[in-house]
Every structure is written in structure tokens, then in C-alpha cells.
Amino acid sequence: MSTRVVVTGLGATTPLGGDVPTTWQAALAGTSGARKLDNDWSEKYGLPVDFAATLAVAPEEVLPRPEMKKMDPSAQYAMIASREAWADAGAPEVDKDRLGVVVSSGIGGIWTTLDAWDTLREKGARRVLPMTVPMLMPNSPSAYVELEFGARAGAHALVSACASGAEAIGYAVDMIRSGRADIVIAGGTEATIHPMPMAAFAASRTLSTRTDDPARASRPYDVDRDGFVIGEGSGIVVLESEAHAAARGARVYAEISGVGLSSDGYHITSPEPTGRGQIAAMRMALKEAGIAAADVKHVNAHATSTVVGDLIEARGVREVLGDAADGVVLSATKSMTGHLLGGAGALETVFSVLAVRDRQAPPTINVENPDPEMVLDLVRDTPRALPDGDVAVINNSFGFGGHNVALVVTNA
């Protein structure tokens, strides 16, 4: 029998709040984290987008300045969320040889990289900071979290674009099931609200250009959707084997009971039109969880608000669940948080865990003209109650390169 892996701690810093409770309450209230940027990037660089879903609480309000100077913003966000998650788990006394870390980022230390390049060009090599490489490397957030908690069972940073945070959690589950660790701090982080990534995403026509109304720009499954709103932040979970959690009397939120992974083998940015890879990941996760389609009551969709991707996923969910899809409610929480890229799947795992705990599916906002081709029951504007009894939630995350991750969260 496979080792059961449970969630005992949650942490986050997001465009909706500086911690999990405020973020969750804002999500249930249908709050948008998108806002105009307080800078001149649009004028200076000719950016067609002048808004993003920026952090609700700036890291300098939480972290001491000497600590911040050693970290790229992506690592700062991960540290804030990890400390909250660890405290939420009871700050357990653990065998550090049995403690692991898996914290991923889709893009890594882009602020550090580009700042260092500017310094080199303008001031010369002698002025480039000696901490530049430890700050820009993609495993920097994972490494700093590992050092913070003294983890020695392994520190990892899987990179799979916008599926990175969810894949990190899946890998953490495998670490515990394989016996490498008893407890793992896992999740994702991203800090890419910078003119260069924004220009690149805009050039690929994936960003919404609804500059007249940022708060309503992200509108998954609306006929007028025109792209995602870039966001930033981090979501972190503390995972433990059920036996380890029970031995220390830990409070358990939920179980990560299934992990499904696949790749499209199709295109570097476009999703495979039939959704076969997404379908395969969901089916794998359900099989691993040992549950039937009828057990699934809620889906937290990847749903970024792109013209093509949203419906491919919805059709895939219906293909996987069949007639049972009629009893499922779907939420697209990026409508509120924006798209946290490598942090998205981790934050949405936090939302999935809380949906199970509170029996509440968070809303999707800004859907004023629902797409007539939508084949699932979309939770709009206000939360939807989930039924009593056993409840399973599918959390989907997909990324450029054809990466597909599905996690199944169940009540423990």
C-alpha cells in the first residue's frame, strides 16, 4: 500500500494578500489583484500593457533589508511563504536528514540577471555583485529555503514553466512515498513583473491588453477573453507522511492522493488541440489516488484566460470524468490572482486544499459573457458550496513546452 501524504502547513504571499488567510478570504470575496503599475514602463519602453497582479504586501514589509539584499525577489517570496507554512505546520522538531525541500520557479532570478547585465554594461565587470550567481540561479529559492530550515534529505527545483509549482509538489509527494523524506516543504514562486518578460509575453500575444480596466482583464471562459494578467508571488505547502504527522499530533488539512504527469510532444507554446496530454495527466492522477470520476466534485483549472487554452482544458476534464462531469464545479482563480507562472500551480494547490477544508469552491470573476462552448459548470462571482462526505479536487497546471501536471486533493 502506497504511503499516504498529507498537508499540514500552508503559506503564501500573493496579489490578494500577504498570507494564506487574507489571500483565501479575498479569493472567496471575488477580489481582483490586478492593478495599474506605478511606473513609467509603458511610456519608456512602449509596453502595450501597463498593469499586472502585483503583491498585496511588499517583501520589505516582512523581511529585513540585509536578508533581502542576498535574494532575488523570487527567493524573497518563497522565504515569506515557507516561513508561514512551517509555522502553520507547528514549527515541528524534525530529523533534518528526513526533511526535504522542493521549491520551483518557471523563470528564476530574472530581476537579478537583468540588473547585473545593466550594471556590467553601464559600470563594468568590477561592479557586478559577487552574490549575483547565487541570486539568479533557478534553484536559488529552493536553496535558501533549504538553508533556512536545515533540510538535508534533498533540495530540488524542477522547472516546467507554468506547471513548475504543481510539479514541485508532485515530486515532494514522491520523495515521501519513496522513503527519502518524512516531511517536505514544497511549492513554487515567481517574480517576473519586469519590463523585459512583460514585453516578451506581450510579443507572443498571451497577455491581456485591457488597459482601461485591469481588475476585469482576466476573464477565463468569457467570449471576450484576450489573454492572461501576469502575476507574482509564492505558494508553499508542508507535506508529511501520514504516519509522521500522526506521531507528532499534527493538524491535517487534506491529502495529496494522486499525481499525474505527462507531456504533449506537440509545440513549444501552443497546447495540443485535443488535450490528450492533459487528459493523460488527469487520468493518471485519478488512478494513483484510487478514486472514481464520481468522487471528483471540484476542479481548480489552469484556465489562464487565453482564447484557445481554456476550452481545451474544459473539454479534457469532461472527457476524463464523463457523465460525472455534470456534478463537478470548476473554478478559474487566475481571474483574481493573475497568472503566477511557476508559482501558479502551488498557490492553486493551496486553494484546492482550502476548498476541501471549507467545502467552498472559490469563484471565477469577470465572466460577463460566458463562452457558449464551455462544457462545465463554472463557479461565477460567488463561492459554491461543496457536498458533505468524501470530496476530491483536481488541480490542473500546464506549461509552455507541453508540460502537464494534475494533482488530486482529497479530505484526509
Protein backbone atom coordinates (compact mmCIF):
# COMPACT_ATOMS: atom_id res chain seq x y z
CA MET A 1 0.00 0.00 0.00
CA SER A 2 1.34 3.42 -1.00
CA THR A 3 2.35 5.84 1.76
CA ARG A 4 -0.33 8.48 2.29
CA VAL A 5 0.94 12.06 2.03
CA VAL A 6 -0.92 14.77 3.92
CA VAL A 7 -0.81 18.57 4.03
CA THR A 8 -0.03 20.02 7.45
CA GLY A 9 1.05 23.59 6.64
CA LEU A 10 0.14 26.33 4.16
CA GLY A 11 1.92 29.55 3.23
CA ALA A 12 1.53 32.22 0.58
CA THR A 13 2.23 35.78 -0.46
CA THR A 14 0.08 36.85 -3.38
CA PRO A 15 -1.62 39.73 -5.17
CA LEU A 16 -4.62 39.10 -2.90
CA GLY A 17 -2.86 39.08 0.46
CA GLY A 18 0.38 38.73 2.36
CA ASP A 19 -0.54 35.37 3.87
CA VAL A 20 -2.91 32.44 3.39
CA PRO A 21 -5.89 33.65 5.46
CA THR A 22 -6.10 37.06 3.79
CA THR A 23 -5.48 35.59 0.33
CA TRP A 24 -8.21 32.97 0.79
CA GLN A 25 -10.75 35.42 2.14
CA ALA A 26 -10.06 37.79 -0.74
CA ALA A 27 -10.48 34.93 -3.20
CA LEU A 28 -13.80 33.89 -1.67
CA ALA A 29 -14.89 37.53 -1.90
CA GLY A 30 -14.10 37.60 -5.63
CA THR A 31 -11.36 40.23 -5.34
CA SER A 32 -9.10 41.13 -8.26
CA GLY A 33 -5.39 41.56 -7.60
CA ALA A 34 -4.74 43.26 -10.95
CA ARG A 35 -3.81 46.93 -10.83
CA LYS A 36 -2.09 49.68 -12.78
CA LEU A 37 1.68 49.69 -12.36
CA ASP A 38 3.05 52.73 -10.59
CA ASN A 39 5.92 53.29 -13.02
CA ASP A 40 6.74 54.64 -16.48
CA TRP A 41 7.46 51.34 -18.21
CA SER A 42 4.66 51.71 -20.73
CA GLU A 43 5.89 55.10 -21.89
CA LYS A 44 9.61 54.37 -21.56
CA TYR A 45 9.64 51.01 -23.35
CA GLY A 46 6.48 51.14 -25.42
CA LEU A 47 4.87 48.28 -23.50
CA PRO A 48 1.29 47.67 -24.64
CA VAL A 49 0.37 46.59 -21.09
CA ASP A 50 0.66 48.85 -18.04
CA PHE A 51 -0.90 46.64 -15.38
CA ALA A 52 -0.21 43.41 -13.50
CA ALA A 53 -1.21 41.47 -10.40
CA THR A 54 1.46 42.73 -8.01
CA LEU A 55 1.97 41.56 -4.44
CA ALA A 56 -0.53 42.89 -1.92
CA VAL A 57 2.20 43.15 0.72
CA ALA A 58 5.69 44.18 -0.39
CA PRO A 59 8.51 41.91 0.85
CA GLU A 60 10.26 44.83 2.55
CA GLU A 61 7.33 44.96 4.95
CA VAL A 62 8.13 41.40 6.04
CA LEU A 63 11.85 40.73 5.52
CA PRO A 64 14.80 42.65 6.99
CA ARG A 65 16.79 44.61 4.42
CA PRO A 66 20.10 42.73 4.93
CA GLU A 67 18.32 39.45 4.17
CA MET A 68 16.57 40.87 1.12
CA LYS A 69 19.84 42.08 -0.41
CA LYS A 70 21.08 38.49 -0.67
CA MET A 71 17.99 37.23 -2.52
CA ASP A 72 16.30 37.74 -5.84
CA PRO A 73 12.62 38.67 -5.35
CA SER A 74 11.65 35.12 -6.37
CA ALA A 75 13.56 33.77 -3.35
CA GLN A 76 12.17 36.50 -1.09
CA TYR A 77 8.61 35.47 -1.91
CA ALA A 78 9.41 31.79 -1.34
CA MET A 79 11.00 32.55 2.01
CA ILE A 80 7.98 34.53 3.21
CA ALA A 81 5.57 31.76 2.19
CA SER A 82 7.78 28.96 3.55
CA ARG A 83 8.09 30.57 6.95
CA GLU A 84 4.32 30.92 7.15
CA ALA A 85 3.78 27.32 6.05
CA TRP A 86 6.31 25.99 8.56
CA ALA A 87 4.77 27.98 11.41
CA ASP A 88 1.32 26.84 10.30
CA ALA A 89 2.53 23.23 10.50
CA GLY A 90 3.51 23.84 14.12
CA ALA A 91 7.22 24.53 13.50
CA PRO A 92 7.91 20.85 14.19
CA GLU A 93 11.11 19.49 15.64
CA VAL A 94 12.23 17.09 12.92
CA ASP A 95 15.18 14.94 11.91
CA LYS A 96 16.88 17.24 9.38
CA ASP A 97 18.14 14.18 7.49
CA ARG A 98 14.47 13.37 6.82
CA LEU A 99 13.45 16.91 5.82
CA GLY A 100 13.35 17.87 2.13
CA VAL A 101 12.64 20.97 0.06
CA VAL A 102 11.22 21.28 -3.45
CA VAL A 103 10.60 24.90 -4.48
CA SER A 104 10.37 25.69 -8.17
CA SER A 105 10.28 28.75 -10.40
CA GLY A 106 9.37 28.86 -14.05
CA ILE A 107 11.81 31.62 -14.96
CA GLY A 108 14.10 32.12 -11.96
CA GLY A 109 16.02 35.20 -10.91
CA ILE A 110 15.19 37.42 -13.87
CA TRP A 111 15.46 40.66 -11.86
CA THR A 112 18.96 39.74 -10.71
CA THR A 113 20.01 38.64 -14.19
CA LEU A 114 18.88 41.80 -15.92
CA ASP A 115 20.08 44.13 -13.18
CA ALA A 116 23.54 42.53 -13.35
CA TRP A 117 23.61 42.94 -17.12
CA ASP A 118 22.72 46.62 -16.77
CA THR A 119 25.50 47.03 -14.19
CA LEU A 120 28.03 45.32 -16.45
CA ARG A 121 27.15 47.48 -19.45
CA GLU A 122 26.99 50.75 -17.56
CA LYS A 123 29.68 50.36 -14.87
CA GLY A 124 31.90 47.43 -15.87
CA ALA A 125 32.69 43.96 -14.56
CA ARG A 126 34.16 45.11 -11.25
CA ARG A 127 30.77 46.44 -10.15
CA VAL A 128 28.85 43.17 -10.69
CA LEU A 129 27.89 41.84 -7.27
CA PRO A 130 29.62 38.65 -6.04
CA MET A 131 26.24 37.23 -4.98
CA THR A 132 24.82 37.51 -8.49
CA VAL A 133 25.01 33.83 -9.43
CA PRO A 134 23.53 32.51 -6.15
CA MET A 135 20.72 35.01 -6.60
CA LEU A 136 19.90 34.37 -10.26
CA MET A 137 20.13 30.59 -10.37
CA PRO A 138 16.75 28.85 -10.76
CA ASN A 139 17.34 26.75 -7.64
CA SER A 140 18.04 29.82 -5.52
CA PRO A 141 14.60 29.87 -3.82
CA SER A 142 14.85 26.16 -3.02
CA ALA A 143 18.39 26.57 -1.73
CA TYR A 144 17.51 29.48 0.56
CA VAL A 145 14.53 27.58 1.99
CA GLU A 146 16.74 24.52 2.49
CA LEU A 147 19.28 26.63 4.39
CA GLU A 148 16.58 28.32 6.45
CA PHE A 149 15.29 25.01 7.81
CA GLY A 150 18.46 22.92 7.64
CA ALA A 151 16.93 20.36 5.29
CA ARG A 152 19.27 17.52 4.36
CA ALA A 153 17.04 14.97 2.58
CA GLY A 154 17.42 16.89 -0.68
CA ALA A 155 16.64 20.31 -2.09
CA HIS A 156 15.24 20.40 -5.62
CA ALA A 157 13.93 22.89 -8.16
CA LEU A 158 12.02 21.33 -11.03
CA VAL A 159 11.43 23.70 -13.93
CA SER A 160 8.42 23.13 -16.18
CA ALA A 161 7.28 26.68 -16.99
CA CYS A 162 3.83 27.40 -15.57
CA ALA A 163 3.48 23.83 -14.28
CA SER A 164 6.58 24.17 -12.08
CA GLY A 165 4.86 24.78 -8.74
CA ALA A 166 2.49 21.86 -9.12
CA GLU A 167 5.26 19.56 -10.34
CA ALA A 168 7.33 20.53 -7.29
CA ILE A 169 4.51 19.33 -5.06
CA GLY A 170 4.21 16.13 -7.08
CA TYR A 171 7.92 15.48 -6.69
CA ALA A 172 7.69 16.14 -2.96
CA VAL A 173 4.94 13.51 -2.74
CA ASP A 174 7.26 11.06 -4.48
CA MET A 175 10.10 11.89 -2.07
CA ILE A 176 7.89 10.88 0.86
CA ARG A 177 6.39 7.82 -0.82
CA SER A 178 9.83 6.53 -1.82
CA GLY A 179 11.08 6.84 1.76
CA ARG A 180 13.62 9.60 1.11
CA ALA A 181 11.90 12.05 3.45
CA ASP A 182 9.27 12.19 6.17
CA ILE A 183 8.41 15.85 5.64
CA VAL A 184 8.93 18.17 2.66
CA ILE A 185 8.45 21.92 2.16
CA ALA A 186 7.21 22.30 -1.42
CA GLY A 187 5.73 24.78 -3.85
CA GLY A 188 6.53 27.49 -6.35
CA THR A 189 7.46 31.12 -6.65
CA GLU A 190 7.78 33.76 -9.35
CA ALA A 191 8.87 37.39 -9.63
CA THR A 192 8.67 38.42 -13.29
CA ILE A 193 6.80 41.72 -13.23
CA HIS A 194 9.68 43.38 -15.08
CA PRO A 195 9.52 45.18 -18.44
CA MET A 196 11.51 42.55 -20.36
CA PRO A 197 9.35 39.49 -19.52
CA MET A 198 6.24 41.59 -19.94
CA ALA A 199 7.42 42.73 -23.36
CA ALA A 200 8.18 39.14 -24.33
CA PHE A 201 4.79 37.83 -23.22
CA ALA A 202 3.10 40.73 -24.98
CA ALA A 203 5.01 39.93 -28.17
CA SER A 204 3.72 36.36 -28.00
CA ARG A 205 0.16 37.75 -27.73
CA THR A 206 -0.55 35.93 -24.49
CA LEU A 207 -1.13 38.98 -22.24
CA SER A 208 -4.44 40.75 -21.95
CA THR A 209 -4.27 44.30 -23.26
CA ARG A 210 -7.38 45.51 -21.44
CA THR A 211 -5.54 48.58 -20.12
CA ASP A 212 -8.73 50.52 -19.48
CA ASP A 213 -9.92 48.05 -16.82
CA PRO A 214 -7.14 45.93 -15.28
CA ALA A 215 -9.28 44.47 -12.49
CA ARG A 216 -11.58 42.90 -15.09
CA ALA A 217 -8.90 41.96 -17.62
CA SER A 218 -8.54 38.29 -16.69
CA ARG A 219 -11.78 36.61 -17.73
CA PRO A 220 -11.43 32.85 -18.24
CA TYR A 221 -14.25 31.28 -20.28
CA ASP A 222 -15.65 34.66 -21.31
CA VAL A 223 -16.16 35.15 -25.05
CA ASP A 224 -14.14 38.39 -24.79
CA ARG A 225 -11.08 36.89 -23.08
CA ASP A 226 -7.87 38.14 -24.65
CA GLY A 227 -5.02 36.74 -22.57
CA PHE A 228 -3.71 36.46 -19.04
CA VAL A 229 -2.68 39.05 -16.47
CA ILE A 230 0.87 38.46 -15.27
CA GLY A 231 1.12 37.98 -11.52
CA GLU A 232 3.74 37.37 -8.86
CA GLY A 233 4.03 35.59 -5.55
CA SER A 234 4.52 32.21 -3.94
CA GLY A 235 2.51 29.29 -2.61
CA ILE A 236 4.04 26.70 -0.29
CA VAL A 237 2.74 23.54 1.39
CA VAL A 238 4.24 21.37 4.10
CA LEU A 239 3.77 17.71 3.23
CA GLU A 240 4.26 14.75 5.56
CA SER A 241 3.73 11.06 5.57
CA GLU A 242 0.51 10.31 7.38
CA ALA A 243 2.44 8.31 9.97
CA HIS A 244 4.86 11.16 10.67
CA ALA A 245 2.04 13.67 11.02
CA ALA A 246 0.11 11.35 13.35
CA ALA A 247 3.16 10.65 15.52
CA ARG A 248 3.59 14.34 16.29
CA GLY A 249 -0.13 15.06 16.59
CA ALA A 250 -0.18 17.43 13.62
CA ARG A 251 -3.32 19.11 12.33
CA VAL A 252 -4.04 17.72 8.84
CA TYR A 253 -5.73 19.81 6.16
CA ALA A 254 -6.08 17.26 3.38
CA GLU A 255 -4.28 14.54 1.45
CA ILE A 256 -2.42 14.80 -1.85
CA SER A 257 -3.64 11.44 -3.03
CA GLY A 258 -2.78 11.47 -6.73
CA VAL A 259 -0.15 12.95 -9.05
CA GLY A 260 -0.35 12.82 -12.83
CA LEU A 261 2.38 13.95 -15.22
CA SER A 262 2.58 13.99 -19.00
CA SER A 263 3.99 15.93 -21.93
CA ASP A 264 2.32 16.87 -25.19
CA GLY A 265 5.13 16.26 -27.67
CA TYR A 266 3.44 18.87 -29.83
CA HIS A 267 4.58 22.53 -29.69
CA ILE A 268 6.80 24.80 -27.59
CA THR A 269 3.98 27.18 -26.61
CA SER A 270 0.63 26.01 -28.03
CA PRO A 271 -1.40 23.35 -26.20
CA GLU A 272 -2.11 20.16 -28.14
CA PRO A 273 -5.58 20.78 -29.64
CA THR A 274 -7.25 17.55 -28.48
CA GLY A 275 -5.93 17.91 -24.91
CA ARG A 276 -4.56 14.38 -24.95
CA GLY A 277 -1.63 15.19 -22.64
CA GLN A 278 -3.84 17.00 -20.16
CA ILE A 279 -6.30 14.11 -20.25
CA ALA A 280 -3.49 11.62 -19.64
CA ALA A 281 -2.23 13.57 -16.61
CA MET A 282 -5.70 13.76 -15.05
CA ARG A 283 -6.37 10.09 -15.62
CA MET A 284 -3.02 9.17 -14.12
CA ALA A 285 -3.71 11.29 -11.04
CA LEU A 286 -7.15 9.75 -10.51
CA LYS A 287 -5.78 6.24 -10.93
CA GLU A 288 -2.99 6.89 -8.45
CA ALA A 289 -5.49 8.36 -5.99
CA GLY A 290 -7.64 5.26 -6.34
CA ILE A 291 -10.84 7.22 -6.83
CA ALA A 292 -13.61 7.19 -9.40
CA ALA A 293 -14.73 10.09 -11.56
CA ALA A 294 -17.87 10.39 -9.43
CA ASP A 295 -15.73 11.24 -6.40
CA VAL A 296 -14.49 14.46 -8.04
CA LYS A 297 -16.62 17.42 -7.02
CA HIS A 298 -14.39 20.37 -7.89
CA VAL A 299 -11.68 21.35 -10.38
CA ASN A 300 -9.29 24.25 -9.92
CA ALA A 301 -8.49 24.83 -13.57
CA HIS A 302 -5.27 26.07 -15.12
CA ALA A 303 -7.53 28.39 -17.18
CA THR A 304 -5.31 31.39 -17.88
CA SER A 305 -7.88 33.38 -19.91
CA THR A 306 -6.36 32.63 -23.30
CA VAL A 307 -8.59 32.23 -26.33
CA VAL A 308 -7.53 28.65 -27.16
CA GLY A 309 -6.30 27.08 -23.92
CA ASP A 310 -9.33 27.48 -21.67
CA LEU A 311 -11.71 25.37 -23.73
CA ILE A 312 -9.15 22.65 -24.46
CA GLU A 313 -8.84 22.09 -20.72
CA ALA A 314 -12.61 22.17 -20.11
CA ARG A 315 -13.22 19.60 -22.83
CA GLY A 316 -10.42 17.47 -21.39
CA VAL A 317 -12.00 17.50 -17.93
CA ARG A 318 -15.30 16.36 -19.40
CA GLU A 319 -13.56 13.62 -21.38
CA VAL A 320 -11.89 12.32 -18.22
CA LEU A 321 -14.94 12.49 -15.97
CA GLY A 322 -17.63 11.55 -18.48
CA ASP A 323 -21.17 11.85 -17.15
CA ALA A 324 -19.76 12.57 -13.68
CA ALA A 325 -18.62 15.96 -15.01
CA ASP A 326 -22.22 17.14 -14.60
CA GLY A 327 -21.72 17.01 -10.83
CA VAL A 328 -18.45 18.97 -10.86
CA VAL A 329 -17.94 22.70 -10.34
CA LEU A 330 -14.94 24.40 -11.91
CA SER A 331 -13.10 27.49 -10.66
CA ALA A 332 -10.58 29.61 -12.54
CA THR A 333 -8.84 31.52 -9.76
CA LYS A 334 -6.32 33.22 -12.05
CA SER A 335 -9.19 35.59 -12.81
CA MET A 336 -8.40 37.05 -9.37
CA THR A 337 -4.71 36.34 -8.72
CA GLY A 338 -3.39 36.81 -12.21
CA HIS A 339 -1.02 34.16 -13.56
CA LEU A 340 1.83 33.49 -11.14
CA LEU A 341 3.63 31.38 -13.77
CA GLY A 342 5.89 28.99 -11.81
CA GLY A 343 4.05 29.85 -8.60
CA ALA A 344 0.56 29.32 -10.02
CA GLY A 345 0.16 25.58 -9.52
CA ALA A 346 1.40 25.78 -5.95
CA LEU A 347 -0.94 28.62 -5.00
CA GLU A 348 -3.82 26.77 -6.65
CA THR A 349 -2.91 23.69 -4.61
CA VAL A 350 -3.29 25.86 -1.51
CA PHE A 351 -6.70 26.92 -2.82
CA SER A 352 -7.64 23.30 -3.53
CA VAL A 353 -6.68 22.24 0.00
CA LEU A 354 -8.74 25.08 1.49
CA ALA A 355 -11.67 24.23 -0.78
CA VAL A 356 -11.66 20.74 0.72
CA ARG A 357 -11.32 22.07 4.27
CA ASP A 358 -14.05 24.71 3.97
CA ARG A 359 -16.26 22.87 1.46
CA GLN A 360 -16.17 26.00 -0.69
CA ALA A 361 -15.21 26.32 -4.36
CA PRO A 362 -13.86 29.84 -4.94
CA PRO A 363 -15.40 31.95 -7.68
CA THR A 364 -14.31 32.90 -11.17
CA ILE A 365 -14.76 36.62 -11.71
CA ASN A 366 -15.22 38.84 -14.77
CA VAL A 367 -17.21 36.32 -16.81
CA GLU A 368 -19.84 38.65 -18.22
CA ASN A 369 -20.44 36.81 -21.49
CA PRO A 370 -19.91 33.09 -20.85
CA ASP A 371 -18.46 31.19 -23.79
CA PRO A 372 -21.28 29.06 -25.23
CA GLU A 373 -18.75 26.28 -25.87
CA MET A 374 -17.97 25.92 -22.17
CA VAL A 375 -18.91 22.34 -21.24
CA LEU A 376 -18.65 22.51 -17.44
CA ASP A 377 -20.42 24.23 -14.54
CA LEU A 378 -18.33 27.36 -13.93
CA VAL A 379 -18.40 28.90 -10.45
CA ARG A 380 -19.05 32.57 -11.14
CA ASP A 381 -18.77 35.62 -8.86
CA THR A 382 -19.60 33.95 -5.55
CA PRO A 383 -18.31 30.74 -3.90
CA ARG A 384 -20.15 27.47 -4.36
CA ALA A 385 -20.72 25.00 -1.51
CA LEU A 386 -19.20 21.54 -1.94
CA PRO A 387 -21.09 18.48 -0.66
CA ASP A 388 -20.54 16.71 2.63
CA GLY A 389 -18.70 13.41 2.75
CA ASP A 390 -15.63 12.44 0.76
CA VAL A 391 -14.59 15.13 -1.71
CA ALA A 392 -11.87 15.05 -4.36
CA VAL A 393 -10.48 18.10 -6.14
CA ILE A 394 -8.41 18.09 -9.32
CA ASN A 395 -5.83 20.88 -9.58
CA ASN A 396 -4.52 21.30 -13.14
CA SER A 397 -1.32 23.07 -14.18
CA PHE A 398 0.09 23.27 -17.69
CA GLY A 399 3.19 24.96 -19.04
CA PHE A 400 5.00 26.07 -22.19
CA GLY A 401 6.84 23.11 -23.62
CA GLY A 402 3.80 20.88 -23.27
CA HIS A 403 4.15 20.12 -19.55
CA ASN A 404 1.01 18.79 -17.88
CA VAL A 405 0.52 18.23 -14.15
CA ALA A 406 -2.65 17.14 -12.36
CA LEU A 407 -2.88 16.80 -8.60
CA VAL A 408 -5.76 15.19 -6.73
CA VAL A 409 -6.54 16.62 -3.30
CA THR A 410 -8.88 14.69 -1.01
CA ASN A 411 -10.14 15.12 2.53
CA ALA A 412 -7.91 13.15 4.87
